[in-house]
Structure formats: structure tokens, C-alpha cells
Amino acid sequence: MGSLGVLVALLAGCASQRVVAPPSHEGESSYRALPDTDMTHYQLALGAVSGGAVPLDHPAPIYPSTQLAACPPEIRLRALLIVGTDGKVDDVRVDNVAGVAPAFATAVRAAAWQWRFVPLSISRWAADANGHSHRVETVLKPFSLPYEFRFSCHDGKPQTSTSAS
């Protein structure tokens, strides 16, 4: 009975100890497309139709772990994504912002390189002698889209977001 009493005392002591988990520092992200007012657009010929150029897979950036403890004020970075005819990102051009840790631009690039788009297609249509239209040719074209990526901390937790320009 003595060893049982010791066991009960030990178990009771374990039950009264509280384990405190360390605070969670997880980054969340989002994005938005920005207006492409400065972009050059393809000129469509009469009877031509374009389609595609929309994101299929677009993971958000991960808040840089090296910046978690600092939790700086909101950071906004603009990036131009250059997309090839296969819908894969060929280049990521992140604007330089003075005073922003390079880790944030690295996070933007790492996420953007994983993005996939529906390829931009330009189809030319024509009508036959009976007035029925049919596609004559379809060509895939490269394109670019501007986005804004945001990194911020709320209540000590970092968050990231992305928006298209």
C-alpha cells in the first residue's frame, strides 16, 4: 500500500503541473492583382479572341522566419510576374523598397516561382460561306501581371497577403 500511495502522490503532482506552449509565430499570406495601367497589351485583329492568363495555382508567400521576432510594421512589395506560353512563371521582378529586409523579397520570389496560370491564348475566327464561324488558328503568348504582396503582424502574429495590380 505504501508504494501505491507514492504512485498516487506522483500522479497527483503531474496533474497539477501546467504545460505552457510557446507562442505560435505562423505567417499567413494573401495577394491581390494590381491594375495594369502601364502594361502593353496585345492588339487583337478583327475576329480575334483572347483567353486564359488567370492563375491556377498560386500559393501565398511564407512570412520569413528570420523576421518573426522583429515583427516590423506592414510591408508592401510589388512584383511583376512574367509568364511563358506554358503558363509557368519565367521571371519575378520585385521592386526594391528601402529599409525592407531582403528576406521579404526572397519570400515573394519563392512563392511566385510556384505559381501556374492558364496560358494566354489568342484565337482567330472566320466565317465560312454559310456564315458559320470556326477557329482558324490559336497562338499561345507570354504575358505579365503585376501583384502586391503584403506582410504584417497583428497581435504578435505575422501575416502575409498578395494582391494583383
C-alpha atoms as a PDB file:
ATOM      1  CA  MET A   1       0.000   0.000   0.000  1.00  0.00           C
ATOM      2  CA  GLY A   2       2.967   2.317   0.629  1.00  0.00           C
ATOM      3  CA  SER A   3       4.161   2.157  -2.970  1.00  0.00           C
ATOM      4  CA  LEU A   4       0.606   2.767  -4.188  1.00  0.00           C
ATOM      5  CA  GLY A   5       0.439   5.900  -2.047  1.00  0.00           C
ATOM      6  CA  VAL A   6       3.711   7.159  -3.535  1.00  0.00           C
ATOM      7  CA  LEU A   7       2.408   6.455  -7.042  1.00  0.00           C
ATOM      8  CA  VAL A   8      -0.829   8.371  -6.338  1.00  0.00           C
ATOM      9  CA  ALA A   9       1.180  11.284  -4.938  1.00  0.00           C
ATOM     10  CA  LEU A  10       3.407  11.355  -8.020  1.00  0.00           C
ATOM     11  CA  LEU A  11       0.442  11.227 -10.388  1.00  0.00           C
ATOM     12  CA  ALA A  12      -1.322  13.985  -8.474  1.00  0.00           C
ATOM     13  CA  GLY A  13       1.807  16.108  -8.756  1.00  0.00           C
ATOM     14  CA  CYS A  14       1.893  15.569 -12.521  1.00  0.00           C
ATOM     15  CA  ALA A  15      -1.725  16.584 -12.873  1.00  0.00           C
ATOM     16  CA  SER A  16      -1.125  19.875 -11.103  1.00  0.00           C
ATOM     17  CA  GLN A  17       1.775  20.933 -13.349  1.00  0.00           C
ATOM     18  CA  ARG A  18       0.700  23.176 -16.191  1.00  0.00           C
ATOM     19  CA  VAL A  19       2.498  22.986 -19.503  1.00  0.00           C
ATOM     20  CA  VAL A  20       2.630  26.313 -21.313  1.00  0.00           C
ATOM     21  CA  ALA A  21       3.122  26.103 -25.060  1.00  0.00           C
ATOM     22  CA  PRO A  22       5.375  28.724 -26.628  1.00  0.00           C
ATOM     23  CA  PRO A  23       3.542  31.397 -28.618  1.00  0.00           C
ATOM     24  CA  SER A  24       2.804  30.455 -32.190  1.00  0.00           C
ATOM     25  CA  HIS A  25       4.568  32.510 -34.841  1.00  0.00           C
ATOM     26  CA  GLU A  26       2.966  31.419 -38.067  1.00  0.00           C
ATOM     27  CA  GLY A  27       2.772  33.519 -41.179  1.00  0.00           C
ATOM     28  CA  GLU A  28      -0.352  33.785 -43.273  1.00  0.00           C
ATOM     29  CA  SER A  29      -0.433  35.297 -46.712  1.00  0.00           C
ATOM     30  CA  SER A  30      -2.699  36.734 -49.365  1.00  0.00           C
ATOM     31  CA  TYR A  31      -2.343  38.695 -52.595  1.00  0.00           C
ATOM     32  CA  ARG A  32      -4.177  40.980 -54.999  1.00  0.00           C
ATOM     33  CA  ALA A  33      -3.725  41.847 -58.643  1.00  0.00           C
ATOM     34  CA  LEU A  34      -2.881  45.472 -59.342  1.00  0.00           C
ATOM     35  CA  PRO A  35      -4.321  47.483 -62.241  1.00  0.00           C
ATOM     36  CA  ASP A  36      -2.054  47.113 -65.254  1.00  0.00           C
ATOM     37  CA  THR A  37      -2.302  50.726 -66.423  1.00  0.00           C
ATOM     38  CA  ASP A  38       1.338  50.828 -67.551  1.00  0.00           C
ATOM     39  CA  MET A  39       1.280  47.490 -69.350  1.00  0.00           C
ATOM     40  CA  THR A  40       1.455  46.930 -73.081  1.00  0.00           C
ATOM     41  CA  HIS A  41      -1.437  44.867 -74.377  1.00  0.00           C
ATOM     42  CA  TYR A  42      -1.651  42.631 -77.424  1.00  0.00           C
ATOM     43  CA  GLN A  43      -3.613  44.235 -80.238  1.00  0.00           C
ATOM     44  CA  LEU A  44      -6.324  41.834 -81.363  1.00  0.00           C
ATOM     45  CA  ALA A  45      -7.183  41.713 -85.033  1.00  0.00           C
ATOM     46  CA  LEU A  46     -10.778  41.697 -86.217  1.00  0.00           C
ATOM     47  CA  GLY A  47     -12.221  38.282 -85.396  1.00  0.00           C
ATOM     48  CA  ALA A  48      -9.588  37.502 -82.742  1.00  0.00           C
ATOM     49  CA  VAL A  49     -10.428  36.496 -79.175  1.00  0.00           C
ATOM     50  CA  SER A  50      -8.110  36.130 -76.207  1.00  0.00           C
ATOM     51  CA  GLY A  51      -8.492  33.851 -73.207  1.00  0.00           C
ATOM     52  CA  GLY A  52      -6.601  32.468 -70.257  1.00  0.00           C
ATOM     53  CA  ALA A  53      -3.977  34.410 -68.290  1.00  0.00           C
ATOM     54  CA  VAL A  54      -5.656  33.540 -64.984  1.00  0.00           C
ATOM     55  CA  PRO A  55      -3.941  31.877 -62.015  1.00  0.00           C
ATOM     56  CA  LEU A  56      -4.486  28.151 -61.496  1.00  0.00           C
ATOM     57  CA  ASP A  57      -2.133  27.528 -58.597  1.00  0.00           C
ATOM     58  CA  HIS A  58      -0.907  30.461 -56.542  1.00  0.00           C
ATOM     59  CA  PRO A  59       0.477  29.650 -53.094  1.00  0.00           C
ATOM     60  CA  ALA A  60       0.910  32.617 -50.799  1.00  0.00           C
ATOM     61  CA  PRO A  61       4.357  33.636 -49.599  1.00  0.00           C
ATOM     62  CA  ILE A  62       5.603  32.394 -46.242  1.00  0.00           C
ATOM     63  CA  TYR A  63       6.457  35.056 -43.679  1.00  0.00           C
ATOM     64  CA  PRO A  64      10.265  34.979 -43.309  1.00  0.00           C
ATOM     65  CA  SER A  65      11.144  33.148 -40.095  1.00  0.00           C
ATOM     66  CA  THR A  66      14.166  35.427 -39.635  1.00  0.00           C
ATOM     67  CA  GLN A  67      11.787  38.387 -39.256  1.00  0.00           C
ATOM     68  CA  LEU A  68       9.278  36.810 -36.851  1.00  0.00           C
ATOM     69  CA  ALA A  69      10.832  38.190 -33.669  1.00  0.00           C
ATOM     70  CA  ALA A  70      11.104  41.724 -35.084  1.00  0.00           C
ATOM     71  CA  CYS A  71       7.505  41.764 -36.355  1.00  0.00           C
ATOM     72  CA  PRO A  72       8.053  45.005 -38.347  1.00  0.00           C
ATOM     73  CA  PRO A  73       5.210  47.327 -39.435  1.00  0.00           C
ATOM     74  CA  GLU A  74       3.252  46.348 -42.557  1.00  0.00           C
ATOM     75  CA  ILE A  75       5.444  45.796 -45.595  1.00  0.00           C
ATOM     76  CA  ARG A  76       4.122  46.032 -49.158  1.00  0.00           C
ATOM     77  CA  LEU A  77       6.140  44.755 -52.082  1.00  0.00           C
ATOM     78  CA  ARG A  78       5.149  44.978 -55.729  1.00  0.00           C
ATOM     79  CA  ALA A  79       6.240  42.275 -58.117  1.00  0.00           C
ATOM     80  CA  LEU A  80       5.819  41.748 -61.834  1.00  0.00           C
ATOM     81  CA  LEU A  81       5.310  38.107 -62.798  1.00  0.00           C
ATOM     82  CA  ILE A  82       6.405  37.258 -66.347  1.00  0.00           C
ATOM     83  CA  VAL A  83       4.575  34.148 -67.556  1.00  0.00           C
ATOM     84  CA  GLY A  84       5.609  31.980 -70.506  1.00  0.00           C
ATOM     85  CA  THR A  85       3.446  30.310 -73.125  1.00  0.00           C
ATOM     86  CA  ASP A  86       3.277  27.185 -70.941  1.00  0.00           C
ATOM     87  CA  GLY A  87       1.638  29.086 -68.053  1.00  0.00           C
ATOM     88  CA  LYS A  88       4.724  28.830 -65.830  1.00  0.00           C
ATOM     89  CA  VAL A  89       6.384  31.886 -64.289  1.00  0.00           C
ATOM     90  CA  ASP A  90       9.551  32.701 -66.253  1.00  0.00           C
ATOM     91  CA  ASP A  91      10.676  35.720 -64.213  1.00  0.00           C
ATOM     92  CA  VAL A  92       9.765  37.540 -60.997  1.00  0.00           C
ATOM     93  CA  ARG A  93      10.729  41.212 -60.736  1.00  0.00           C
ATOM     94  CA  VAL A  94      10.314  42.526 -57.192  1.00  0.00           C
ATOM     95  CA  ASP A  95      10.515  46.295 -56.682  1.00  0.00           C
ATOM     96  CA  ASN A  96      13.246  47.362 -54.269  1.00  0.00           C
ATOM     97  CA  VAL A  97      11.951  49.134 -51.182  1.00  0.00           C
ATOM     98  CA  ALA A  98      14.427  50.979 -48.963  1.00  0.00           C
ATOM     99  CA  GLY A  99      14.651  49.657 -45.431  1.00  0.00           C
ATOM    100  CA  VAL A 100      12.880  46.360 -46.138  1.00  0.00           C
ATOM    101  CA  ALA A 101      14.738  43.191 -45.183  1.00  0.00           C
ATOM    102  CA  PRO A 102      15.733  41.195 -48.298  1.00  0.00           C
ATOM    103  CA  ALA A 103      14.075  38.119 -46.754  1.00  0.00           C
ATOM    104  CA  PHE A 104      10.658  39.529 -47.724  1.00  0.00           C
ATOM    105  CA  ALA A 105      11.606  39.819 -51.425  1.00  0.00           C
ATOM    106  CA  THR A 106      13.033  36.295 -51.228  1.00  0.00           C
ATOM    107  CA  ALA A 107       9.700  35.044 -49.825  1.00  0.00           C
ATOM    108  CA  VAL A 108       7.814  36.742 -52.684  1.00  0.00           C
ATOM    109  CA  ARG A 109      10.084  35.144 -55.291  1.00  0.00           C
ATOM    110  CA  ALA A 110       9.883  31.704 -53.674  1.00  0.00           C
ATOM    111  CA  ALA A 111       6.073  31.783 -53.765  1.00  0.00           C
ATOM    112  CA  ALA A 112       5.754  33.331 -57.240  1.00  0.00           C
ATOM    113  CA  TRP A 113       8.048  30.725 -58.834  1.00  0.00           C
ATOM    114  CA  GLN A 114       5.470  28.101 -57.836  1.00  0.00           C
ATOM    115  CA  TRP A 115       2.521  29.880 -59.470  1.00  0.00           C
ATOM    116  CA  ARG A 116       0.863  28.396 -62.561  1.00  0.00           C
ATOM    117  CA  PHE A 117      -1.502  30.142 -64.963  1.00  0.00           C
ATOM    118  CA  VAL A 118      -3.881  29.192 -67.738  1.00  0.00           C
ATOM    119  CA  PRO A 119      -1.759  30.117 -70.779  1.00  0.00           C
ATOM    120  CA  LEU A 120      -2.793  33.241 -72.678  1.00  0.00           C
ATOM    121  CA  SER A 121      -4.278  32.171 -76.000  1.00  0.00           C
ATOM    122  CA  ILE A 122      -5.275  34.334 -78.937  1.00  0.00           C
ATOM    123  CA  SER A 123      -7.627  32.643 -81.373  1.00  0.00           C
ATOM    124  CA  ARG A 124      -8.542  33.931 -84.813  1.00  0.00           C
ATOM    125  CA  TRP A 125     -12.028  33.099 -86.025  1.00  0.00           C
ATOM    126  CA  ALA A 126     -13.534  33.347 -89.506  1.00  0.00           C
ATOM    127  CA  ALA A 127     -16.904  32.659 -91.065  1.00  0.00           C
ATOM    128  CA  ASP A 128     -17.344  30.137 -93.850  1.00  0.00           C
ATOM    129  CA  ALA A 129     -19.555  30.614 -96.937  1.00  0.00           C
ATOM    130  CA  ASN A 130     -22.620  29.568 -94.916  1.00  0.00           C
ATOM    131  CA  GLY A 131     -21.936  32.136 -92.205  1.00  0.00           C
ATOM    132  CA  HIS A 132     -20.787  29.613 -89.607  1.00  0.00           C
ATOM    133  CA  SER A 133     -17.784  30.765 -87.623  1.00  0.00           C
ATOM    134  CA  HIS A 134     -14.883  28.487 -86.901  1.00  0.00           C
ATOM    135  CA  ARG A 135     -11.488  28.864 -85.323  1.00  0.00           C
ATOM    136  CA  VAL A 136      -8.757  29.333 -87.895  1.00  0.00           C
ATOM    137  CA  GLU A 137      -5.758  29.410 -85.558  1.00  0.00           C
ATOM    138  CA  THR A 138      -4.812  29.654 -81.892  1.00  0.00           C
ATOM    139  CA  VAL A 139      -1.499  31.049 -80.711  1.00  0.00           C
ATOM    140  CA  LEU A 140      -0.160  30.986 -77.143  1.00  0.00           C
ATOM    141  CA  LYS A 141       1.528  34.195 -75.980  1.00  0.00           C
ATOM    142  CA  PRO A 142       3.654  35.161 -72.970  1.00  0.00           C
ATOM    143  CA  PHE A 143       2.232  37.801 -70.621  1.00  0.00           C
ATOM    144  CA  SER A 144       2.987  39.630 -67.396  1.00  0.00           C
ATOM    145  CA  LEU A 145       0.871  40.629 -64.408  1.00  0.00           C
ATOM    146  CA  PRO A 146       1.671  42.977 -61.509  1.00  0.00           C
ATOM    147  CA  TYR A 147       0.872  41.892 -57.937  1.00  0.00           C
ATOM    148  CA  GLU A 148       1.194  43.384 -54.482  1.00  0.00           C
ATOM    149  CA  PHE A 149       2.357  41.205 -51.597  1.00  0.00           C
ATOM    150  CA  ARG A 150       1.702  42.325 -48.028  1.00  0.00           C
ATOM    151  CA  PHE A 151       3.413  41.185 -44.849  1.00  0.00           C
ATOM    152  CA  SER A 152       2.115  42.352 -41.490  1.00  0.00           C
ATOM    153  CA  CYS A 153       1.919  41.472 -37.809  1.00  0.00           C
ATOM    154  CA  HIS A 154      -1.309  41.534 -35.798  1.00  0.00           C
ATOM    155  CA  ASP A 155      -1.292  40.782 -32.089  1.00  0.00           C
ATOM    156  CA  GLY A 156       2.247  39.481 -32.392  1.00  0.00           C
ATOM    157  CA  LYS A 157       1.418  37.095 -35.230  1.00  0.00           C
ATOM    158  CA  PRO A 158       2.847  37.739 -38.695  1.00  0.00           C
ATOM    159  CA  GLN A 159       0.560  37.670 -41.722  1.00  0.00           C
ATOM    160  CA  THR A 160       1.251  37.943 -45.431  1.00  0.00           C
ATOM    161  CA  SER A 161      -1.065  38.734 -48.294  1.00  0.00           C
ATOM    162  CA  THR A 162      -0.840  39.121 -52.031  1.00  0.00           C
ATOM    163  CA  SER A 163      -2.896  41.199 -54.404  1.00  0.00           C
ATOM    164  CA  ALA A 164      -2.827  41.552 -58.155  1.00  0.00           C
ATOM    165  CA  SER A 165      -2.153  45.010 -59.523  1.00  0.00           C
END
